[in-house]
Structure formats: C-alpha cells, structure tokens
mmCIF file of all heavy atoms, coordinates in Angstrom:
data_MODEL
# 
_entry.id   MODEL 
# 
loop_
_atom_site.group_PDB 
_atom_site.id 
_atom_site.type_symbol 
_atom_site.label_atom_id 
_atom_site.label_alt_id 
_atom_site.label_comp_id 
_atom_site.label_asym_id 
_atom_site.label_entity_id 
_atom_site.label_seq_id 
_atom_site.pdbx_PDB_ins_code 
_atom_site.Cartn_x 
_atom_site.Cartn_y 
_atom_site.Cartn_z 
_atom_site.occupancy 
_atom_site.B_iso_or_equiv 
_atom_site.pdbx_formal_charge 
_atom_site.auth_seq_id 
_atom_site.auth_comp_id 
_atom_site.auth_asym_id 
_atom_site.auth_atom_id 
_atom_site.pdbx_PDB_model_num 
ATOM 1   N N   . LYS A 1 1  ? 0.834  -1.207  0.000   1.00 0.00 ? 1  LYS A N   1 
ATOM 2   C CA  . LYS A 1 1  ? 0.000  0.000   0.000   1.00 0.00 ? 1  LYS A CA  1 
ATOM 3   C C   . LYS A 1 1  ? 0.859  1.244   0.000   1.00 0.00 ? 1  LYS A C   1 
ATOM 4   O O   . LYS A 1 1  ? 0.578  2.216   -0.731  1.00 0.00 ? 1  LYS A O   1 
ATOM 5   C CB  . LYS A 1 1  ? -0.915 -0.023  1.222   1.00 0.00 ? 1  LYS A CB  1 
ATOM 6   C CG  . LYS A 1 1  ? -1.868 1.160   1.281   1.00 0.00 ? 1  LYS A CG  1 
ATOM 7   C CD  . LYS A 1 1  ? -2.772 1.082   2.506   1.00 0.00 ? 1  LYS A CD  1 
ATOM 8   C CE  . LYS A 1 1  ? -3.708 2.276   2.567   1.00 0.00 ? 1  LYS A CE  1 
ATOM 9   N NZ  . LYS A 1 1  ? -4.570 2.241   3.781   1.00 0.00 ? 1  LYS A NZ  1 
ATOM 10  N N   . ARG A 1 2  ? 1.917  1.238   0.815   1.00 0.00 ? 2  ARG A N   1 
ATOM 11  C CA  . ARG A 1 2  ? 2.807  2.407   0.878   1.00 0.00 ? 2  ARG A CA  1 
ATOM 12  C C   . ARG A 1 2  ? 3.523  2.624   -0.463  1.00 0.00 ? 2  ARG A C   1 
ATOM 13  O O   . ARG A 1 2  ? 3.613  3.766   -0.948  1.00 0.00 ? 2  ARG A O   1 
ATOM 14  C CB  . ARG A 1 2  ? 3.825  2.225   1.999   1.00 0.00 ? 2  ARG A CB  1 
ATOM 15  C CG  . ARG A 1 2  ? 4.926  3.277   2.051   1.00 0.00 ? 2  ARG A CG  1 
ATOM 16  C CD  . ARG A 1 2  ? 4.364  4.683   2.333   1.00 0.00 ? 2  ARG A CD  1 
ATOM 17  N NE  . ARG A 1 2  ? 3.772  4.769   3.650   1.00 0.00 ? 2  ARG A NE  1 
ATOM 18  C CZ  . ARG A 1 2  ? 4.457  5.041   4.775   1.00 0.00 ? 2  ARG A CZ  1 
ATOM 19  N NH1 . ARG A 1 2  ? 5.768  5.250   4.713   1.00 0.00 ? 2  ARG A NH1 1 
ATOM 20  N NH2 . ARG A 1 2  ? 3.827  5.135   5.927   1.00 0.00 ? 2  ARG A NH2 1 
ATOM 21  N N   . VAL A 1 3  ? 4.016  1.564   -1.061  1.00 0.00 ? 3  VAL A N   1 
ATOM 22  C CA  . VAL A 1 3  ? 4.699  1.680   -2.355  1.00 0.00 ? 3  VAL A CA  1 
ATOM 23  C C   . VAL A 1 3  ? 3.736  2.223   -3.414  1.00 0.00 ? 3  VAL A C   1 
ATOM 24  O O   . VAL A 1 3  ? 4.101  3.097   -4.228  1.00 0.00 ? 3  VAL A O   1 
ATOM 25  C CB  . VAL A 1 3  ? 5.282  0.320   -2.802  1.00 0.00 ? 3  VAL A CB  1 
ATOM 26  C CG1 . VAL A 1 3  ? 5.802  0.399   -4.244  1.00 0.00 ? 3  VAL A CG1 1 
ATOM 27  C CG2 . VAL A 1 3  ? 6.405  -0.105  -1.863  1.00 0.00 ? 3  VAL A CG2 1 
ATOM 28  N N   . TYR A 1 4  ? 2.502  1.724   -3.405  1.00 0.00 ? 4  TYR A N   1 
ATOM 29  C CA  . TYR A 1 4  ? 1.521  2.206   -4.386  1.00 0.00 ? 4  TYR A CA  1 
ATOM 30  C C   . TYR A 1 4  ? 1.246  3.693   -4.191  1.00 0.00 ? 4  TYR A C   1 
ATOM 31  O O   . TYR A 1 4  ? 1.163  4.459   -5.174  1.00 0.00 ? 4  TYR A O   1 
ATOM 32  C CB  . TYR A 1 4  ? 0.223  1.410   -4.258  1.00 0.00 ? 4  TYR A CB  1 
ATOM 33  C CG  . TYR A 1 4  ? -0.846 1.837   -5.225  1.00 0.00 ? 4  TYR A CG  1 
ATOM 34  C CD1 . TYR A 1 4  ? -0.827 1.404   -6.546  1.00 0.00 ? 4  TYR A CD1 1 
ATOM 35  C CD2 . TYR A 1 4  ? -1.863 2.723   -4.827  1.00 0.00 ? 4  TYR A CD2 1 
ATOM 36  C CE1 . TYR A 1 4  ? -1.800 1.816   -7.449  1.00 0.00 ? 4  TYR A CE1 1 
ATOM 37  C CE2 . TYR A 1 4  ? -2.833 3.140   -5.718  1.00 0.00 ? 4  TYR A CE2 1 
ATOM 38  C CZ  . TYR A 1 4  ? -2.798 2.681   -7.024  1.00 0.00 ? 4  TYR A CZ  1 
ATOM 39  O OH  . TYR A 1 4  ? -3.761 3.094   -7.925  1.00 0.00 ? 4  TYR A OH  1 
ATOM 40  N N   . GLU A 1 5  ? 1.099  4.118   -2.946  1.00 0.00 ? 5  GLU A N   1 
ATOM 41  C CA  . GLU A 1 5  ? 0.842  5.538   -2.671  1.00 0.00 ? 5  GLU A CA  1 
ATOM 42  C C   . GLU A 1 5  ? 2.009  6.398   -3.134  1.00 0.00 ? 5  GLU A C   1 
ATOM 43  O O   . GLU A 1 5  ? 1.808  7.476   -3.719  1.00 0.00 ? 5  GLU A O   1 
ATOM 44  C CB  . GLU A 1 5  ? 0.603  5.736   -1.175  1.00 0.00 ? 5  GLU A CB  1 
ATOM 45  C CG  . GLU A 1 5  ? -0.702 5.120   -0.678  1.00 0.00 ? 5  GLU A CG  1 
ATOM 46  C CD  . GLU A 1 5  ? -0.817 5.145   0.830   1.00 0.00 ? 5  GLU A CD  1 
ATOM 47  O OE1 . GLU A 1 5  ? 0.210  5.439   1.497   1.00 0.00 ? 5  GLU A OE1 1 
ATOM 48  O OE2 . GLU A 1 5  ? -1.909 4.864   1.353   1.00 0.00 ? 5  GLU A OE2 1 
ATOM 49  N N   . GLN A 1 6  ? 3.221  5.928   -2.882  1.00 0.00 ? 6  GLN A N   1 
ATOM 50  C CA  . GLN A 1 6  ? 4.403  6.692   -3.302  1.00 0.00 ? 6  GLN A CA  1 
ATOM 51  C C   . GLN A 1 6  ? 4.500  6.775   -4.818  1.00 0.00 ? 6  GLN A C   1 
ATOM 52  O O   . GLN A 1 6  ? 4.776  7.844   -5.382  1.00 0.00 ? 6  GLN A O   1 
ATOM 53  C CB  . GLN A 1 6  ? 5.665  6.046   -2.721  1.00 0.00 ? 6  GLN A CB  1 
ATOM 54  C CG  . GLN A 1 6  ? 5.783  6.169   -1.209  1.00 0.00 ? 6  GLN A CG  1 
ATOM 55  C CD  . GLN A 1 6  ? 6.984  5.419   -0.670  1.00 0.00 ? 6  GLN A CD  1 
ATOM 56  O OE1 . GLN A 1 6  ? 7.576  4.571   -1.351  1.00 0.00 ? 6  GLN A OE1 1 
ATOM 57  N NE2 . GLN A 1 6  ? 7.370  5.722   0.568   1.00 0.00 ? 6  GLN A NE2 1 
ATOM 58  N N   . GLN A 1 7  ? 4.272  5.646   -5.483  1.00 0.00 ? 7  GLN A N   1 
ATOM 59  C CA  . GLN A 1 7  ? 4.395  5.625   -6.943  1.00 0.00 ? 7  GLN A CA  1 
ATOM 60  C C   . GLN A 1 7  ? 3.253  6.376   -7.621  1.00 0.00 ? 7  GLN A C   1 
ATOM 61  O O   . GLN A 1 7  ? 3.406  6.861   -8.747  1.00 0.00 ? 7  GLN A O   1 
ATOM 62  C CB  . GLN A 1 7  ? 4.455  4.183   -7.445  1.00 0.00 ? 7  GLN A CB  1 
ATOM 63  C CG  . GLN A 1 7  ? 5.722  3.452   -7.030  1.00 0.00 ? 7  GLN A CG  1 
ATOM 64  C CD  . GLN A 1 7  ? 6.983  4.146   -7.537  1.00 0.00 ? 7  GLN A CD  1 
ATOM 65  O OE1 . GLN A 1 7  ? 7.071  4.552   -8.701  1.00 0.00 ? 7  GLN A OE1 1 
ATOM 66  N NE2 . GLN A 1 7  ? 7.971  4.310   -6.656  1.00 0.00 ? 7  GLN A NE2 1 
ATOM 67  N N   . THR A 1 8  ? 2.131  6.487   -6.946  1.00 0.00 ? 8  THR A N   1 
ATOM 68  C CA  . THR A 1 8  ? 1.037  7.293   -7.491  1.00 0.00 ? 8  THR A CA  1 
ATOM 69  C C   . THR A 1 8  ? 1.461  8.752   -7.620  1.00 0.00 ? 8  THR A C   1 
ATOM 70  O O   . THR A 1 8  ? 1.059  9.461   -8.567  1.00 0.00 ? 8  THR A O   1 
ATOM 71  C CB  . THR A 1 8  ? -0.205 7.204   -6.581  1.00 0.00 ? 8  THR A CB  1 
ATOM 72  O OG1 . THR A 1 8  ? -0.630 5.848   -6.511  1.00 0.00 ? 8  THR A OG1 1 
ATOM 73  C CG2 . THR A 1 8  ? -1.349 8.050   -7.122  1.00 0.00 ? 8  THR A CG2 1 
ATOM 74  N N   . ASP A 1 9  ? 2.287  9.200   -6.681  1.00 0.00 ? 9  ASP A N   1 
ATOM 75  C CA  . ASP A 1 9  ? 2.793  10.574  -6.734  1.00 0.00 ? 9  ASP A CA  1 
ATOM 76  C C   . ASP A 1 9  ? 3.906  10.727  -7.763  1.00 0.00 ? 9  ASP A C   1 
ATOM 77  O O   . ASP A 1 9  ? 4.129  11.828  -8.284  1.00 0.00 ? 9  ASP A O   1 
ATOM 78  C CB  . ASP A 1 9  ? 3.327  11.002  -5.364  1.00 0.00 ? 9  ASP A CB  1 
ATOM 79  C CG  . ASP A 1 9  ? 2.219  11.084  -4.323  1.00 0.00 ? 9  ASP A CG  1 
ATOM 80  O OD1 . ASP A 1 9  ? 1.055  11.294  -4.717  1.00 0.00 ? 9  ASP A OD1 1 
ATOM 81  O OD2 . ASP A 1 9  ? 2.517  10.914  -3.123  1.00 0.00 ? 9  ASP A OD2 1 
ATOM 82  N N   . LEU A 1 10 ? 4.616  9.632   -8.043  1.00 0.00 ? 10 LEU A N   1 
ATOM 83  C CA  . LEU A 1 10 ? 5.779  9.714   -8.937  1.00 0.00 ? 10 LEU A CA  1 
ATOM 84  C C   . LEU A 1 10 ? 5.459  9.347   -10.381 1.00 0.00 ? 10 LEU A C   1 
ATOM 85  O O   . LEU A 1 10 ? 6.210  9.723   -11.293 1.00 0.00 ? 10 LEU A O   1 
ATOM 86  C CB  . LEU A 1 10 ? 6.893  8.783   -8.428  1.00 0.00 ? 10 LEU A CB  1 
ATOM 87  C CG  . LEU A 1 10 ? 7.465  9.104   -7.040  1.00 0.00 ? 10 LEU A CG  1 
ATOM 88  C CD1 . LEU A 1 10 ? 8.481  8.041   -6.617  1.00 0.00 ? 10 LEU A CD1 1 
ATOM 89  C CD2 . LEU A 1 10 ? 8.102  10.488  -7.035  1.00 0.00 ? 10 LEU A CD2 1 
ATOM 90  N N   . GLN A 1 11 ? 4.363  8.623   -10.601 1.00 0.00 ? 11 GLN A N   1 
ATOM 91  C CA  . GLN A 1 11 ? 4.035  8.134   -11.950 1.00 0.00 ? 11 GLN A CA  1 
ATOM 92  C C   . GLN A 1 11 ? 2.785  8.830   -12.477 1.00 0.00 ? 11 GLN A C   1 
ATOM 93  O O   . GLN A 1 11 ? 1.986  9.399   -11.719 1.00 0.00 ? 11 GLN A O   1 
ATOM 94  C CB  . GLN A 1 11 ? 3.799  6.611   -11.924 1.00 0.00 ? 11 GLN A CB  1 
ATOM 95  C CG  . GLN A 1 11 ? 4.919  5.813   -11.317 1.00 0.00 ? 11 GLN A CG  1 
ATOM 96  C CD  . GLN A 1 11 ? 6.202  5.873   -12.131 1.00 0.00 ? 11 GLN A CD  1 
ATOM 97  O OE1 . GLN A 1 11 ? 6.177  5.948   -13.364 1.00 0.00 ? 11 GLN A OE1 1 
ATOM 98  N NE2 . GLN A 1 11 ? 7.341  5.838   -11.439 1.00 0.00 ? 11 GLN A NE2 1 
ATOM 99  N N   . SER A 1 12 ? 2.604  8.722   -13.782 1.00 0.00 ? 12 SER A N   1 
ATOM 100 C CA  . SER A 1 12 ? 1.369  9.243   -14.381 1.00 0.00 ? 12 SER A CA  1 
ATOM 101 C C   . SER A 1 12 ? 0.222  8.272   -14.070 1.00 0.00 ? 12 SER A C   1 
ATOM 102 O O   . SER A 1 12 ? 0.448  7.086   -13.829 1.00 0.00 ? 12 SER A O   1 
ATOM 103 C CB  . SER A 1 12 ? 1.543  9.377   -15.900 1.00 0.00 ? 12 SER A CB  1 
ATOM 104 O OG  . SER A 1 12 ? 1.684  8.094   -16.495 1.00 0.00 ? 12 SER A OG  1 
ATOM 105 N N   . PRO A 1 13 ? -1.012 8.757   -14.083 1.00 0.00 ? 13 PRO A N   1 
ATOM 106 C CA  . PRO A 1 13 ? -2.148 7.884   -13.757 1.00 0.00 ? 13 PRO A CA  1 
ATOM 107 C C   . PRO A 1 13 ? -2.281 6.671   -14.672 1.00 0.00 ? 13 PRO A C   1 
ATOM 108 O O   . PRO A 1 13 ? -2.867 5.661   -14.284 1.00 0.00 ? 13 PRO A O   1 
ATOM 109 C CB  . PRO A 1 13 ? -3.360 8.813   -13.904 1.00 0.00 ? 13 PRO A CB  1 
ATOM 110 C CG  . PRO A 1 13 ? -2.799 10.187  -13.701 1.00 0.00 ? 13 PRO A CG  1 
ATOM 111 C CD  . PRO A 1 13 ? -1.423 10.151  -14.288 1.00 0.00 ? 13 PRO A CD  1 
ATOM 112 N N   . THR A 1 14 ? -1.744 6.770   -15.892 1.00 0.00 ? 14 THR A N   1 
ATOM 113 C CA  . THR A 1 14 ? -1.857 5.654   -16.841 1.00 0.00 ? 14 THR A CA  1 
ATOM 114 C C   . THR A 1 14 ? -0.638 4.729   -16.816 1.00 0.00 ? 14 THR A C   1 
ATOM 115 O O   . THR A 1 14 ? -0.522 3.841   -17.664 1.00 0.00 ? 14 THR A O   1 
ATOM 116 C CB  . THR A 1 14 ? -2.032 6.215   -18.276 1.00 0.00 ? 14 THR A CB  1 
ATOM 117 O OG1 . THR A 1 14 ? -0.908 7.054   -18.592 1.00 0.00 ? 14 THR A OG1 1 
ATOM 118 C CG2 . THR A 1 14 ? -3.325 7.012   -18.388 1.00 0.00 ? 14 THR A CG2 1 
ATOM 119 N N   . SER A 1 15 ? 0.235  4.927   -15.873 1.00 0.00 ? 15 SER A N   1 
ATOM 120 C CA  . SER A 1 15 ? 1.452  4.108   -15.805 1.00 0.00 ? 15 SER A CA  1 
ATOM 121 C C   . SER A 1 15 ? 1.104  2.637   -15.604 1.00 0.00 ? 15 SER A C   1 
ATOM 122 O O   . SER A 1 15 ? 0.293  2.288   -14.727 1.00 0.00 ? 15 SER A O   1 
ATOM 123 C CB  . SER A 1 15 ? 2.332  4.584   -14.644 1.00 0.00 ? 15 SER A CB  1 
ATOM 124 O OG  . SER A 1 15 ? 3.400  3.670   -14.422 1.00 0.00 ? 15 SER A OG  1 
ATOM 125 N N   . PRO A 1 16 ? 1.692  1.727   -16.395 1.00 0.00 ? 16 PRO A N   1 
ATOM 126 C CA  . PRO A 1 16 ? 1.445  0.292   -16.209 1.00 0.00 ? 16 PRO A CA  1 
ATOM 127 C C   . PRO A 1 16 ? 1.937  -0.218  -14.854 1.00 0.00 ? 16 PRO A C   1 
ATOM 128 O O   . PRO A 1 16 ? 1.450  -1.236  -14.365 1.00 0.00 ? 16 PRO A O   1 
ATOM 129 C CB  . PRO A 1 16 ? 2.223  -0.363  -17.358 1.00 0.00 ? 16 PRO A CB  1 
ATOM 130 C CG  . PRO A 1 16 ? 3.239  0.655   -17.767 1.00 0.00 ? 16 PRO A CG  1 
ATOM 131 C CD  . PRO A 1 16 ? 2.613  1.990   -17.516 1.00 0.00 ? 16 PRO A CD  1 
ATOM 132 N N   . LEU A 1 17 ? 2.870  0.511   -14.244 1.00 0.00 ? 17 LEU A N   1 
ATOM 133 C CA  . LEU A 1 17 ? 3.373  0.098   -12.940 1.00 0.00 ? 17 LEU A CA  1 
ATOM 134 C C   . LEU A 1 17 ? 2.261  0.092   -11.895 1.00 0.00 ? 17 LEU A C   1 
ATOM 135 O O   . LEU A 1 17 ? 2.169  -0.837  -11.085 1.00 0.00 ? 17 LEU A O   1 
ATOM 136 C CB  . LEU A 1 17 ? 4.501  1.034   -12.497 1.00 0.00 ? 17 LEU A CB  1 
ATOM 137 C CG  . LEU A 1 17 ? 5.026  0.818   -11.071 1.00 0.00 ? 17 LEU A CG  1 
ATOM 138 C CD1 . LEU A 1 17 ? 5.598  -0.584  -10.904 1.00 0.00 ? 17 LEU A CD1 1 
ATOM 139 C CD2 . LEU A 1 17 ? 6.062  1.876   -10.713 1.00 0.00 ? 17 LEU A CD2 1 
ATOM 140 N N   . LEU A 1 18 ? 1.424  1.111   -11.922 1.00 0.00 ? 18 LEU A N   1 
ATOM 141 C CA  . LEU A 1 18 ? 0.342  1.203   -10.944 1.00 0.00 ? 18 LEU A CA  1 
ATOM 142 C C   . LEU A 1 18 ? -0.644 0.040   -11.106 1.00 0.00 ? 18 LEU A C   1 
ATOM 143 O O   . LEU A 1 18 ? -1.100 -0.549  -10.114 1.00 0.00 ? 18 LEU A O   1 
ATOM 144 C CB  . LEU A 1 18 ? -0.385 2.546   -11.084 1.00 0.00 ? 18 LEU A CB  1 
ATOM 145 C CG  . LEU A 1 18 ? 0.465  3.795   -10.864 1.00 0.00 ? 18 LEU A CG  1 
ATOM 146 C CD1 . LEU A 1 18 ? -0.370 5.056   -11.049 1.00 0.00 ? 18 LEU A CD1 1 
ATOM 147 C CD2 . LEU A 1 18 ? 1.109  3.771   -9.482  1.00 0.00 ? 18 LEU A CD2 1 
ATOM 148 N N   . ALA A 1 19 ? -0.953 -0.278  -12.357 1.00 0.00 ? 19 ALA A N   1 
ATOM 149 C CA  . ALA A 1 19 ? -1.872 -1.384  -12.610 1.00 0.00 ? 19 ALA A CA  1 
ATOM 150 C C   . ALA A 1 19 ? -1.282 -2.717  -12.142 1.00 0.00 ? 19 ALA A C   1 
ATOM 151 O O   . ALA A 1 19 ? -1.986 -3.557  -11.542 1.00 0.00 ? 19 ALA A O   1 
ATOM 152 C CB  . ALA A 1 19 ? -2.211 -1.446  -14.096 1.00 0.00 ? 19 ALA A CB  1 
ATOM 153 N N   . GLU A 1 20 ? 0.007  -2.910  -12.388 1.00 0.00 ? 20 GLU A N   1 
ATOM 154 C CA  . GLU A 1 20 ? 0.652  -4.167  -11.978 1.00 0.00 ? 20 GLU A CA  1 
ATOM 155 C C   . GLU A 1 20 ? 0.761  -4.264  -10.450 1.00 0.00 ? 20 GLU A C   1 
ATOM 156 O O   . GLU A 1 20 ? 0.643  -5.348  -9.876  1.00 0.00 ? 20 GLU A O   1 
ATOM 157 C CB  . GLU A 1 20 ? 2.030  -4.287  -12.626 1.00 0.00 ? 20 GLU A CB  1 
ATOM 158 C CG  . GLU A 1 20 ? 1.963  -4.521  -14.125 1.00 0.00 ? 20 GLU A CG  1 
ATOM 159 C CD  . GLU A 1 20 ? 3.342  -4.733  -14.750 1.00 0.00 ? 20 GLU A CD  1 
ATOM 160 O OE1 . GLU A 1 20 ? 4.243  -5.207  -14.032 1.00 0.00 ? 20 GLU A OE1 1 
ATOM 161 O OE2 . GLU A 1 20 ? 3.514  -4.417  -15.944 1.00 0.00 ? 20 GLU A OE2 1 
ATOM 162 N N   . LEU A 1 21 ? 0.991  -3.129  -9.807  1.00 0.00 ? 21 LEU A N   1 
ATOM 163 C CA  . LEU A 1 21 ? 1.022  -3.127  -8.345  1.00 0.00 ? 21 LEU A CA  1 
ATOM 164 C C   . LEU A 1 21 ? -0.327 -3.555  -7.765  1.00 0.00 ? 21 LEU A C   1 
ATOM 165 O O   . LEU A 1 21 ? -0.386 -4.330  -6.806  1.00 0.00 ? 21 LEU A O   1 
ATOM 166 C CB  . LEU A 1 21 ? 1.393  -1.735  -7.830  1.00 0.00 ? 21 LEU A CB  1 
ATOM 167 C CG  . LEU A 1 21 ? 2.878  -1.366  -7.844  1.00 0.00 ? 21 LEU A CG  1 
ATOM 168 C CD1 . LEU A 1 21 ? 3.064  0.119   -7.557  1.00 0.00 ? 21 LEU A CD1 1 
ATOM 169 C CD2 . LEU A 1 21 ? 3.645  -2.207  -6.832  1.00 0.00 ? 21 LEU A CD2 1 
ATOM 170 N N   . ILE A 1 22 ? -1.394 -3.049  -8.349  1.00 0.00 ? 22 ILE A N   1 
ATOM 171 C CA  . ILE A 1 22 ? -2.735 -3.424  -7.884  1.00 0.00 ? 22 ILE A CA  1 
ATOM 172 C C   . ILE A 1 22 ? -2.990 -4.910  -8.116  1.00 0.00 ? 22 ILE A C   1 
ATOM 173 O O   . ILE A 1 22 ? -3.528 -5.613  -7.248  1.00 0.00 ? 22 ILE A O   1 
ATOM 174 C CB  . ILE A 1 22 ? -3.807 -2.574  -8.598  1.00 0.00 ? 22 ILE A CB  1 
ATOM 175 C CG1 . ILE A 1 22 ? -3.704 -1.109  -8.157  1.00 0.00 ? 22 ILE A CG1 1 
ATOM 176 C CG2 . ILE A 1 22 ? -5.200 -3.119  -8.298  1.00 0.00 ? 22 ILE A CG2 1 
ATOM 177 C CD1 . ILE A 1 22 ? -4.658 -0.186  -8.884  1.00 0.00 ? 22 ILE A CD1 1 
ATOM 178 N N   . THR A 1 23 ? -2.587 -5.401  -9.289  1.00 0.00 ? 23 THR A N   1 
ATOM 179 C CA  . THR A 1 23 ? -2.816 -6.814  -9.612  1.00 0.00 ? 23 THR A CA  1 
ATOM 180 C C   . THR A 1 23 ? -2.096 -7.743  -8.644  1.00 0.00 ? 23 THR A C   1 
ATOM 181 O O   . THR A 1 23 ? -2.686 -8.689  -8.099  1.00 0.00 ? 23 THR A O   1 
ATOM 182 C CB  . THR A 1 23 ? -2.349 -7.109  -11.052 1.00 0.00 ? 23 THR A CB  1 
ATOM 183 O OG1 . THR A 1 23 ? -3.109 -6.324  -11.966 1.00 0.00 ? 23 THR A OG1 1 
ATOM 184 C CG2 . THR A 1 23 ? -2.536 -8.581  -11.381 1.00 0.00 ? 23 THR A CG2 1 
ATOM 185 N N   . VAL A 1 24 ? -0.817 -7.481  -8.417  1.00 0.00 ? 24 VAL A N   1 
ATOM 186 C CA  . VAL A 1 24 ? -0.036 -8.339  -7.523  1.00 0.00 ? 24 VAL A CA  1 
ATOM 187 C C   . VAL A 1 24 ? -0.562 -8.243  -6.099  1.00 0.00 ? 24 VAL A C   1 
ATOM 188 O O   . VAL A 1 24 ? -0.664 -9.255  -5.388  1.00 0.00 ? 24 VAL A O   1 
ATOM 189 C CB  . VAL A 1 24 ? 1.459  -7.958  -7.581  1.00 0.00 ? 24 VAL A CB  1 
ATOM 190 C CG1 . VAL A 1 24 ? 2.242  -8.691  -6.502  1.00 0.00 ? 24 VAL A CG1 1 
ATOM 191 C CG2 . VAL A 1 24 ? 2.030  -8.293  -8.949  1.00 0.00 ? 24 VAL A CG2 1 
ATOM 192 N N   . SER A 1 25 ? -0.926 -7.051  -5.676  1.00 0.00 ? 25 SER A N   1 
ATOM 193 C CA  . SER A 1 25 ? -1.457 -6.872  -4.321  1.00 0.00 ? 25 SER A CA  1 
ATOM 194 C C   . SER A 1 25 ? -2.777 -7.628  -4.141  1.00 0.00 ? 25 SER A C   1 
ATOM 195 O O   . SER A 1 25 ? -2.989 -8.301  -3.125  1.00 0.00 ? 25 SER A O   1 
ATOM 196 C CB  . SER A 1 25 ? -1.662 -5.383  -4.039  1.00 0.00 ? 25 SER A CB  1 
ATOM 197 O OG  . SER A 1 25 ? -2.210 -5.202  -2.752  1.00 0.00 ? 25 SER A OG  1 
ATOM 198 N N   . THR A 1 26 ? -3.647 -7.532  -5.135  1.00 0.00 ? 26 THR A N   1 
ATOM 199 C CA  . THR A 1 26 ? -4.950 -8.210  -5.047  1.00 0.00 ? 26 THR A CA  1 
ATOM 200 C C   . THR A 1 26 ? -4.784 -9.726  -5.048  1.00 0.00 ? 26 THR A C   1 
ATOM 201 O O   . THR A 1 26 ? -5.401 -10.441 -4.246  1.00 0.00 ? 26 THR A O   1 
ATOM 202 C CB  . THR A 1 26 ? -5.846 -7.791  -6.224  1.00 0.00 ? 26 THR A CB  1 
ATOM 203 O OG1 . THR A 1 26 ? -6.016 -6.371  -6.194  1.00 0.00 ? 26 THR A OG1 1 
ATOM 204 C CG2 . THR A 1 26 ? -7.202 -8.466  -6.130  1.00 0.00 ? 26 THR A CG2 1 
ATOM 205 N N   . ARG A 1 27 ? -3.944 -10.237 -5.938  1.00 0.00 ? 27 ARG A N   1 
ATOM 206 C CA  . ARG A 1 27 ? -3.728 -11.689 -5.995  1.00 0.00 ? 27 ARG A CA  1 
ATOM 207 C C   . ARG A 1 27 ? -3.051 -12.184 -4.711  1.00 0.00 ? 27 ARG A C   1 
ATOM 208 O O   . ARG A 1 27 ? -3.312 -13.300 -4.261  1.00 0.00 ? 27 ARG A O   1 
ATOM 209 C CB  . ARG A 1 27 ? -2.872 -12.051 -7.207  1.00 0.00 ? 27 ARG A CB  1 
ATOM 210 C CG  . ARG A 1 27 ? -3.558 -11.879 -8.531  1.00 0.00 ? 27 ARG A CG  1 
ATOM 211 C CD  . ARG A 1 27 ? -2.843 -12.687 -9.600  1.00 0.00 ? 27 ARG A CD  1 
ATOM 212 N NE  . ARG A 1 27 ? -3.166 -12.231 -10.927 1.00 0.00 ? 27 ARG A NE  1 
ATOM 213 C CZ  . ARG A 1 27 ? -4.257 -12.577 -11.617 1.00 0.00 ? 27 ARG A CZ  1 
ATOM 214 N NH1 . ARG A 1 27 ? -5.157 -13.366 -11.049 1.00 0.00 ? 27 ARG A NH1 1 
ATOM 215 N NH2 . ARG A 1 27 ? -4.452 -12.137 -12.847 1.00 0.00 ? 27 ARG A NH2 1 
ATOM 216 N N   . SER A 1 28 ? -2.196 -11.359 -4.146  1.00 0.00 ? 28 SER A N   1 
ATOM 217 C CA  . SER A 1 28 ? -1.508 -11.762 -2.921  1.00 0.00 ? 28 SER A CA  1 
ATOM 218 C C   . SER A 1 28 ? -2.494 -11.909 -1.765  1.00 0.00 ? 28 SER A C   1 
ATOM 219 O O   . SER A 1 28 ? -2.352 -12.802 -0.920  1.00 0.00 ? 28 SER A O   1 
ATOM 220 C CB  . SER A 1 28 ? -0.431 -10.736 -2.566  1.00 0.00 ? 28 SER A CB  1 
ATOM 221 O OG  . SER A 1 28 ? 0.564  -10.689 -3.565  1.00 0.00 ? 28 SER A OG  1 
ATOM 222 N N   . LYS A 1 29 ? -3.492 -11.043 -1.713  1.00 0.00 ? 29 LYS A N   1 
ATOM 223 C CA  . LYS A 1 29 ? -4.523 -11.176 -0.679  1.00 0.00 ? 29 LYS A CA  1 
ATOM 224 C C   . LYS A 1 29 ? -5.342 -12.444 -0.889  1.00 0.00 ? 29 LYS A C   1 
ATOM 225 O O   . LYS A 1 29 ? -5.713 -13.120 0.084   1.00 0.00 ? 29 LYS A O   1 
ATOM 226 C CB  . LYS A 1 29 ? -5.427 -9.940  -0.687  1.00 0.00 ? 29 LYS A CB  1 
ATOM 227 C CG  . LYS A 1 29 ? -4.712 -8.685  -0.206  1.00 0.00 ? 29 LYS A CG  1 
ATOM 228 C CD  . LYS A 1 29 ? -5.622 -7.463  -0.258  1.00 0.00 ? 29 LYS A CD  1 
ATOM 229 C CE  . LYS A 1 29 ? -4.877 -6.214  0.220   1.00 0.00 ? 29 LYS A CE  1 
ATOM 230 N NZ  . LYS A 1 29 ? -5.722 -5.000  0.156   1.00 0.00 ? 29 LYS A NZ  1 
# 
C-alpha cells in the first residue's frame, strides 16, 4: 500500500506500474 501511494505521486495515472502493483497486491490477498 505504501509503495503504491508513493508511486502514485511519482508516476502518471496511466502508468502500467500502478496497474501491476494493484494486480499483484490483489492476488496476494
């Protein structure tokens, strides 16, 4: 969650990194 929040500030909203972070986080849960 912290990494996602930080990268949200550093990346554009359409960055594939944000989408992949959400995917891995969701599957991990």
